Amino acid sequence: MKIVVAYSGGLDTSIILKWLKERYDAEIIAFCADIGQEEELKGLDKKAVRTGASKCYIDDLTEEFAKDFIFPMIRANALYENQYFLGTSIARPLIAKRQAEIALLEGADAVAHGATGKGNDQVRFELTYAALAPHLKIIAPWREWEFKGRADLIAYAKKSGIPVPVTAKKPYSMDRNLLHISFESGILEDPWVEPPRDMYKLSVDPQDAPNKPEYVELDFEQGNCVSINGKKLSPANVLRTLNKLGGKHGIGRVDLVENRFVGMKSRGVYETPGGTILHFAHKQIETLTLDREVMHLRDTFIPRYSEMIYYGFWFAPEREFLQAAIDQSQENVTGTVRIKLYKGNLITAGRKSPLSLYNPHIATMEADGGAYNQADAGGFIRLNALRLRTRAAVLSKKKKKK
């Protein structure tokens, strides 16, 4: 038997390599997706082989991640439960997609992941496998093995000589990629406890951010950011640049209790400096370029679209259907947004577009040269008030009868 494992080098997947080899007497192939973890990837291939893998793929997927996953989500203004920028959620379908491709390339019988039986990731991985490689056997060790929690895993790692970046004293679960870093478990399971200041990796505490604001200009073409401060950048480098700028000014920290797909609430802390700026700027350029009715209709899609990503339905037809509609709405979302960054805050400092629907000659409070006849507003209001007047008459009759 041959199994391809989604491998990160963290506590769970380090144990999984050894456990799968012993339990299934199988050849284990590790796969790690480089989606912006940076230093976390150093020496990972050697560690995987030492832990039991016959080989380890480390594929650079950063540009694909930004261009084909993050950017479509930004075009949709996706935000789960009005707070979460979906940094972990959007990475899983890409990881599972490439994992399935490697399984087919290697002639593997199964794929395995390190998601727990309580979390959302198990659903995201397995729905992607089902959509792209339904014939592969799926192994979810957390739903099979004898370990009850991370304390058991830490003890097993120590006994087996497996080095892991977690201790019983500081059992944070961290997930990092180009869009964000997340923290959960340990003391964070108490939603009353404030996260320790030394936990954060991507951003300074807003109160320690520079006392002088910094301006940044983002250029958009058809809903995608293509340059920053006049410099053309690839999608991945847009995120890298904004992460540094946002982190410097303490932008993008979110601490929330969210509703998991499996039914429970969980507490997560997130840092999304670049994504927060990008999301904010995109909404600002839309205010100039997006038709009112299109914007309002699209906005009704956002909660459902965000749920699709959070729940793991990226490769589902309903997400693709909504994406097509959203992308059509972005054809004229082109222009420049200027933002002031200051101590965790994003402040709009200007926006312009060659395709702007904003006409100052019509909107002006001064004489507009006949572009808008104010007298027309009377008839407009009377027509819209018709149903209200009709209802008021009915209510008045009802009141008199009493």
Protein backbone atom coordinates (compact mmCIF):
# COMPACT_ATOMS: atom_id res chain seq x y z
CA MET A 1 0.00 0.00 0.00
CA LYS A 2 1.18 3.53 -0.78
CA ILE A 3 -0.14 6.58 1.08
CA VAL A 4 0.43 10.29 0.31
CA VAL A 5 0.28 12.38 3.48
CA ALA A 6 -0.40 16.11 3.70
CA TYR A 7 2.63 16.96 5.82
CA SER A 8 3.57 20.17 7.63
CA GLY A 9 6.27 19.01 10.01
CA GLY A 10 4.15 20.02 12.98
CA LEU A 11 3.13 17.85 15.90
CA ASP A 12 0.19 16.03 14.33
CA THR A 13 1.65 15.20 10.92
CA SER A 14 5.04 14.25 12.36
CA ILE A 15 3.32 11.59 14.45
CA ILE A 16 1.13 10.56 11.52
CA LEU A 17 4.07 9.57 9.31
CA LYS A 18 5.34 7.07 11.83
CA TRP A 19 1.88 5.89 12.93
CA LEU A 20 0.69 5.20 9.37
CA LYS A 21 3.81 3.25 8.52
CA GLU A 22 3.34 1.05 11.58
CA ARG A 23 -0.44 0.67 11.33
CA TYR A 24 -0.78 0.04 7.59
CA ASP A 25 2.67 -1.39 6.82
CA ALA A 26 2.68 1.03 3.91
CA GLU A 27 5.08 3.17 1.92
CA ILE A 28 4.57 6.75 3.03
CA ILE A 29 5.11 9.73 0.74
CA ALA A 30 5.04 13.12 2.41
CA PHE A 31 3.78 16.19 0.62
CA CYS A 32 4.25 19.73 1.87
CA ALA A 33 2.71 22.66 0.04
CA ASP A 34 4.80 25.81 0.15
CA ILE A 35 2.05 28.42 0.44
CA GLY A 36 4.07 31.03 2.27
CA GLN A 37 5.27 29.40 5.50
CA GLU A 38 8.80 30.74 4.87
CA GLU A 39 11.24 29.56 7.57
CA GLU A 40 8.93 26.75 8.65
CA LEU A 41 9.96 24.74 5.54
CA LYS A 42 13.67 24.57 6.32
CA GLY A 43 14.88 20.98 6.64
CA LEU A 44 11.37 19.60 6.32
CA ASP A 45 12.22 17.03 3.63
CA LYS A 46 15.01 15.52 5.73
CA LYS A 47 12.81 15.45 8.79
CA ALA A 48 10.05 13.65 6.87
CA VAL A 49 12.44 10.93 5.68
CA ARG A 50 13.88 10.53 9.20
CA THR A 51 10.35 10.14 10.55
CA GLY A 52 9.37 7.40 8.10
CA ALA A 53 8.61 8.79 4.64
CA SER A 54 10.25 7.27 1.57
CA LYS A 55 10.32 10.71 -0.06
CA CYS A 56 8.99 14.20 0.47
CA TYR A 57 7.57 16.61 -2.07
CA ILE A 58 7.85 20.31 -1.24
CA ASP A 59 6.06 22.22 -3.99
CA ASP A 60 6.08 26.00 -4.29
CA LEU A 61 2.41 26.88 -4.74
CA THR A 62 2.58 30.49 -3.57
CA GLU A 63 1.70 32.13 -6.88
CA GLU A 64 -1.10 29.67 -7.58
CA PHE A 65 -2.38 30.20 -4.05
CA ALA A 66 -2.49 33.98 -4.46
CA LYS A 67 -3.75 34.13 -8.04
CA ASP A 68 -6.30 31.29 -8.15
CA PHE A 69 -7.50 31.11 -4.55
CA ILE A 70 -6.88 34.31 -2.53
CA PHE A 71 -7.58 36.82 -5.30
CA PRO A 72 -10.93 35.28 -6.36
CA MET A 73 -11.94 35.37 -2.69
CA ILE A 74 -10.91 39.05 -2.41
CA ARG A 75 -12.93 39.86 -5.54
CA ALA A 76 -15.92 38.46 -3.66
CA ASN A 77 -15.16 40.44 -0.45
CA ALA A 78 -15.46 37.14 1.42
CA LEU A 79 -15.56 37.39 5.21
CA TYR A 80 -16.88 34.56 7.36
CA GLU A 81 -19.23 35.74 10.12
CA ASN A 82 -18.17 39.32 9.35
CA GLN A 83 -14.74 38.84 10.93
CA TYR A 84 -12.64 35.95 9.61
CA PHE A 85 -10.63 36.43 6.41
CA LEU A 86 -10.64 32.64 5.74
CA GLY A 87 -6.85 32.26 5.69
CA THR A 88 -6.83 28.60 6.72
CA SER A 89 -10.04 27.73 4.89
CA ILE A 90 -8.86 28.91 1.46
CA ALA A 91 -5.52 27.06 1.71
CA ARG A 92 -6.98 23.59 2.24
CA PRO A 93 -8.51 23.03 -1.21
CA LEU A 94 -5.21 23.92 -2.88
CA ILE A 95 -3.22 21.59 -0.61
CA ALA A 96 -5.68 18.75 -1.14
CA LYS A 97 -5.75 19.37 -4.90
CA ARG A 98 -1.98 19.05 -5.24
CA GLN A 99 -1.91 16.11 -2.83
CA ALA A 100 -4.41 14.25 -5.02
CA GLU A 101 -2.33 15.06 -8.12
CA ILE A 102 0.77 13.58 -6.46
CA ALA A 103 -1.19 10.50 -5.42
CA LEU A 104 -2.19 9.94 -9.04
CA LEU A 105 1.38 10.59 -10.21
CA GLU A 106 2.81 8.12 -7.69
CA GLY A 107 0.11 5.50 -8.21
CA ALA A 108 -0.85 5.74 -4.53
CA ASP A 109 -3.80 3.92 -3.03
CA ALA A 110 -4.71 6.48 -0.40
CA VAL A 111 -4.34 10.01 0.90
CA ALA A 112 -4.13 11.02 4.56
CA HIS A 113 -4.40 14.28 6.46
CA GLY A 114 -3.76 15.46 10.01
CA ALA A 115 -7.04 17.24 10.62
CA THR A 116 -8.80 16.40 13.87
CA GLY A 117 -12.24 14.85 14.05
CA LYS A 118 -13.55 18.00 15.73
CA GLY A 119 -12.43 20.56 13.18
CA ASN A 120 -13.35 21.99 9.80
CA ASP A 121 -10.19 20.93 7.96
CA GLN A 122 -11.18 17.27 7.74
CA VAL A 123 -14.23 18.35 5.73
CA ARG A 124 -12.24 20.71 3.50
CA PHE A 125 -9.64 18.07 2.65
CA GLU A 126 -12.07 15.26 2.08
CA LEU A 127 -14.58 17.23 0.00
CA THR A 128 -11.70 18.22 -2.28
CA TYR A 129 -10.54 14.60 -2.61
CA ALA A 130 -14.12 13.62 -3.43
CA ALA A 131 -14.38 16.29 -6.11
CA LEU A 132 -11.01 15.64 -7.78
CA ALA A 133 -9.99 12.02 -7.06
CA PRO A 134 -12.99 10.11 -5.68
CA HIS A 135 -11.38 6.67 -6.13
CA LEU A 136 -8.65 7.30 -3.52
CA LYS A 137 -9.02 5.83 -0.05
CA ILE A 138 -9.06 8.51 2.65
CA ILE A 139 -7.30 7.96 5.97
CA ALA A 140 -7.95 10.35 8.85
CA PRO A 141 -5.72 9.20 11.75
CA TRP A 142 -7.40 11.46 14.30
CA ARG A 143 -10.59 9.48 13.75
CA GLU A 144 -8.80 6.14 14.13
CA TRP A 145 -5.90 6.23 16.53
CA GLU A 146 -5.65 5.76 20.27
CA PHE A 147 -4.34 9.24 21.13
CA LYS A 148 -6.85 11.43 22.95
CA GLY A 149 -5.23 14.82 22.57
CA ARG A 150 -2.06 16.80 22.00
CA ALA A 151 -0.61 15.83 25.38
CA ASP A 152 -0.64 12.19 24.21
CA LEU A 153 1.00 13.20 20.93
CA ILE A 154 3.74 15.14 22.69
CA ALA A 155 4.46 12.14 24.91
CA TYR A 156 4.55 9.81 21.89
CA ALA A 157 6.88 12.16 20.02
CA LYS A 158 9.26 12.29 22.96
CA LYS A 159 9.20 8.49 23.30
CA SER A 160 9.81 8.01 19.57
CA GLY A 161 12.51 10.69 19.26
CA ILE A 162 10.44 12.85 16.91
CA PRO A 163 11.33 16.56 17.23
CA VAL A 164 8.24 18.79 17.23
CA PRO A 165 7.86 22.57 17.75
CA VAL A 166 5.33 22.16 20.57
CA THR A 167 5.64 21.58 24.28
CA ALA A 168 3.07 20.73 26.93
CA LYS A 169 3.72 24.16 28.48
CA LYS A 170 2.89 26.08 25.29
CA PRO A 171 0.57 23.92 23.20
CA TYR A 172 -0.48 26.42 20.56
CA SER A 173 -1.66 25.10 17.25
CA MET A 174 -0.39 27.46 14.55
CA ASP A 175 -1.15 27.54 10.85
CA ARG A 176 0.75 29.95 8.66
CA ASN A 177 0.54 30.80 4.99
CA LEU A 178 0.80 33.75 2.61
CA LEU A 179 -2.53 35.17 3.75
CA HIS A 180 -2.38 34.76 7.53
CA ILE A 181 -1.30 32.92 10.64
CA SER A 182 -3.81 31.37 13.03
CA PHE A 183 -3.52 30.37 16.68
CA GLU A 184 -5.76 28.06 18.68
CA SER A 185 -5.82 25.55 21.56
CA GLY A 186 -3.98 25.78 24.89
CA ILE A 187 -4.94 28.80 26.99
CA LEU A 188 -6.72 30.24 23.94
CA GLU A 189 -9.51 27.76 24.53
CA ASP A 190 -10.70 30.12 27.28
CA PRO A 191 -12.35 33.00 25.38
CA TRP A 192 -11.96 35.28 28.42
CA VAL A 193 -8.15 35.06 28.33
CA GLU A 194 -6.36 37.74 26.33
CA PRO A 195 -3.75 36.30 23.93
CA PRO A 196 -0.19 36.73 25.22
CA ARG A 197 1.65 39.60 23.56
CA ASP A 198 4.61 37.42 22.55
CA MET A 199 2.37 35.02 20.63
CA TYR A 200 1.97 37.17 17.53
CA LYS A 201 4.33 36.61 14.61
CA LEU A 202 3.31 38.88 11.72
CA SER A 203 2.36 42.15 13.38
CA VAL A 204 3.45 44.51 16.12
CA ASP A 205 1.06 45.47 18.87
CA PRO A 206 -0.87 48.50 17.54
CA GLN A 207 0.17 50.57 20.56
CA ASP A 208 3.83 49.90 19.65
CA ALA A 209 3.34 50.72 15.96
CA PRO A 210 4.97 53.86 14.50
CA ASN A 211 3.61 57.16 15.75
CA LYS A 212 3.66 58.52 12.20
CA PRO A 213 1.08 57.24 9.68
CA GLU A 214 2.18 55.74 6.37
CA TYR A 215 0.40 56.05 3.04
CA VAL A 216 0.12 53.25 0.51
CA GLU A 217 -1.45 53.23 -2.95
CA LEU A 218 -2.96 50.10 -4.48
CA ASP A 219 -3.76 49.85 -8.20
CA PHE A 220 -6.58 47.51 -9.23
CA GLU A 221 -7.46 45.98 -12.60
CA GLN A 222 -10.74 44.08 -12.88
CA GLY A 223 -10.88 43.57 -9.12
CA ASN A 224 -7.27 42.40 -8.69
CA CYS A 225 -4.47 44.39 -7.10
CA VAL A 226 -1.68 44.62 -9.68
CA SER A 227 0.71 47.15 -8.18
CA ILE A 228 1.61 48.88 -4.93
CA ASN A 229 2.95 52.43 -4.84
CA GLY A 230 3.31 52.29 -8.62
CA LYS A 231 5.36 49.08 -8.67
CA LYS A 232 3.94 46.14 -10.63
CA LEU A 233 3.86 42.97 -8.54
CA SER A 234 2.77 39.36 -8.93
CA PRO A 235 -0.21 38.27 -6.81
CA ALA A 236 2.04 36.54 -4.26
CA ASN A 237 4.32 39.56 -4.00
CA VAL A 238 1.32 41.82 -3.51
CA LEU A 239 0.51 39.79 -0.39
CA ARG A 240 4.14 39.73 0.78
CA THR A 241 4.49 43.50 0.41
CA LEU A 242 1.20 44.25 2.16
CA ASN A 243 1.99 41.79 4.95
CA LYS A 244 5.12 43.74 5.77
CA LEU A 245 3.36 47.10 5.63
CA GLY A 246 0.37 45.92 7.62
CA GLY A 247 2.47 44.10 10.17
CA LYS A 248 4.59 47.18 10.73
CA HIS A 249 1.48 49.16 11.66
CA GLY A 250 -0.29 46.50 13.73
CA ILE A 251 -3.03 45.86 11.19
CA GLY A 252 -5.05 42.67 10.77
CA ARG A 253 -5.40 41.11 14.22
CA VAL A 254 -8.69 39.29 14.81
CA ASP A 255 -9.77 37.41 17.93
CA LEU A 256 -13.11 35.66 17.54
CA VAL A 257 -15.32 32.81 18.62
CA GLU A 258 -16.55 31.24 15.40
CA ASN A 259 -19.08 28.59 14.46
CA ARG A 260 -17.41 25.49 13.06
CA PHE A 261 -19.12 23.50 10.31
CA VAL A 262 -19.23 20.41 12.54
CA GLY A 263 -21.49 22.22 15.00
CA MET A 264 -19.35 23.56 17.85
CA LYS A 265 -18.02 27.01 18.60
CA SER A 266 -14.27 27.54 18.76
CA ARG A 267 -11.98 30.41 19.61
CA GLY A 268 -9.35 31.44 17.09
CA VAL A 269 -6.85 34.29 16.93
CA TYR A 270 -5.68 35.43 13.51
CA GLU A 271 -3.16 37.78 11.96
CA THR A 272 -4.00 38.84 8.40
CA PRO A 273 -2.14 42.11 7.81
CA GLY A 274 -1.90 42.08 4.01
CA GLY A 275 -5.29 40.49 3.45
CA THR A 276 -6.97 43.09 5.66
CA ILE A 277 -5.50 45.94 3.61
CA LEU A 278 -6.38 44.23 0.33
CA HIS A 279 -9.96 43.54 1.40
CA PHE A 280 -10.45 47.12 2.60
CA ALA A 281 -8.92 48.68 -0.53
CA HIS A 282 -10.96 46.48 -2.85
CA LYS A 283 -14.19 47.61 -1.23
CA GLN A 284 -13.10 51.23 -1.63
CA ILE A 285 -12.46 50.97 -5.37
CA GLU A 286 -15.80 49.23 -5.78
CA THR A 287 -17.59 52.27 -4.31
CA LEU A 288 -16.48 54.22 -7.39
CA THR A 289 -16.88 51.59 -10.09
CA LEU A 290 -19.63 49.13 -9.19
CA ASP A 291 -23.25 49.76 -10.14
CA ARG A 292 -25.53 50.14 -7.12
CA GLU A 293 -27.87 47.25 -7.89
CA VAL A 294 -25.01 44.93 -8.87
CA MET A 295 -23.19 45.80 -5.63
CA HIS A 296 -26.24 45.24 -3.46
CA LEU A 297 -27.07 41.93 -5.16
CA ARG A 298 -23.45 40.76 -4.92
CA ASP A 299 -23.38 41.69 -1.24
CA THR A 300 -26.23 39.27 -0.60
CA PHE A 301 -23.96 36.50 -1.88
CA ILE A 302 -21.09 37.24 0.50
CA PRO A 303 -22.31 35.28 3.57
CA ARG A 304 -23.17 32.22 1.45
CA TYR A 305 -19.98 32.41 -0.61
CA SER A 306 -17.91 32.74 2.57
CA GLU A 307 -19.66 29.72 4.07
CA MET A 308 -18.81 27.68 0.97
CA ILE A 309 -15.12 28.36 1.52
CA TYR A 310 -15.26 27.87 5.28
CA TYR A 311 -17.18 24.60 4.91
CA GLY A 312 -14.87 23.24 2.20
CA PHE A 313 -16.96 23.55 -0.96
CA TRP A 314 -14.38 25.38 -3.08
CA PHE A 315 -14.61 22.81 -5.88
CA ALA A 316 -18.38 22.59 -5.70
CA PRO A 317 -20.58 23.78 -8.60
CA GLU A 318 -22.40 26.34 -6.46
CA ARG A 319 -19.14 28.13 -5.61
CA GLU A 320 -18.07 28.10 -9.26
CA PHE A 321 -21.48 29.46 -10.25
CA LEU A 322 -21.25 32.35 -7.78
CA GLN A 323 -17.63 33.02 -8.75
CA ALA A 324 -18.64 33.47 -12.39
CA ALA A 325 -21.27 36.04 -11.40
CA ILE A 326 -18.89 37.83 -9.04
CA ASP A 327 -16.10 37.94 -11.61
CA GLN A 328 -18.46 39.41 -14.20
CA SER A 329 -19.22 42.20 -11.74
CA GLN A 330 -15.51 43.01 -11.51
CA GLU A 331 -14.94 43.88 -15.17
CA ASN A 332 -14.85 47.63 -14.44
CA VAL A 333 -13.37 47.49 -10.92
CA THR A 334 -10.23 49.31 -12.00
CA GLY A 335 -8.45 52.25 -10.39
CA THR A 336 -6.29 53.37 -7.48
CA VAL A 337 -6.94 53.53 -3.74
CA ARG A 338 -4.80 55.49 -1.28
CA ILE A 339 -4.88 54.30 2.33
CA LYS A 340 -3.36 55.70 5.51
CA LEU A 341 -2.00 53.06 7.89
CA TYR A 342 -1.86 54.08 11.54
CA LYS A 343 -1.71 52.00 14.73
CA GLY A 344 -3.96 49.16 13.62
CA ASN A 345 -6.29 51.41 11.63
CA LEU A 346 -7.02 51.68 7.91
CA ILE A 347 -8.15 55.12 6.82
CA THR A 348 -9.22 55.93 3.27
CA ALA A 349 -7.15 58.82 1.94
CA GLY A 350 -8.36 58.84 -1.66
CA ARG A 351 -9.61 56.82 -4.60
CA LYS A 352 -9.79 57.37 -8.37
CA SER A 353 -10.71 55.40 -11.46
CA PRO A 354 -10.84 55.93 -15.22
CA LEU A 355 -14.09 53.93 -15.10
CA SER A 356 -15.63 55.78 -12.17
CA LEU A 357 -19.42 56.00 -11.99
CA TYR A 358 -19.11 58.92 -9.59
CA ASN A 359 -19.87 62.18 -11.39
CA PRO A 360 -19.06 65.28 -9.33
CA HIS A 361 -21.06 67.46 -11.75
CA ILE A 362 -24.21 65.54 -10.83
CA ALA A 363 -23.48 64.99 -7.12
CA THR A 364 -22.51 68.61 -6.44
CA MET A 365 -24.58 70.71 -4.02
CA GLU A 366 -23.92 73.68 -6.32
CA ALA A 367 -25.52 74.40 -9.70
CA ASP A 368 -25.04 71.40 -11.98
CA GLY A 369 -25.85 72.93 -15.34
CA GLY A 370 -29.05 70.94 -15.76
CA ALA A 371 -27.50 67.48 -15.35
CA TYR A 372 -30.07 66.69 -12.66
CA ASN A 373 -33.50 68.29 -12.37
CA GLN A 374 -34.31 68.48 -8.68
CA ALA A 375 -37.99 68.95 -9.43
CA ASP A 376 -38.08 65.35 -10.74
CA ALA A 377 -37.47 64.10 -7.21
CA GLY A 378 -41.01 65.07 -6.18
CA GLY A 379 -42.65 62.57 -8.52
CA PHE A 380 -40.06 59.95 -7.62
CA ILE A 381 -40.88 60.32 -3.93
CA ARG A 382 -44.66 60.31 -4.53
CA LEU A 383 -44.46 57.02 -6.45
CA ASN A 384 -42.32 55.41 -3.76
CA ALA A 385 -44.63 56.72 -1.05
CA LEU A 386 -47.78 55.27 -2.66
CA ARG A 387 -47.73 51.99 -0.77
CA LEU A 388 -46.92 53.78 2.49
CA ARG A 389 -49.87 56.14 2.07
CA THR A 390 -52.14 53.21 1.19
CA ARG A 391 -51.03 51.32 4.30
CA ALA A 392 -51.49 54.41 6.49
CA ALA A 393 -55.09 54.76 5.23
CA VAL A 394 -55.86 51.14 6.10
CA LEU A 395 -54.35 51.48 9.57
CA SER A 396 -56.32 54.68 10.15
CA LYS A 397 -59.64 52.94 9.32
CA LYS A 398 -58.71 50.04 11.59
CA LYS A 399 -57.96 52.43 14.43
CA LYS A 400 -61.28 54.28 14.03
CA LYS A 401 -63.23 51.00 14.24
CA LYS A 402 -61.69 50.35 17.65
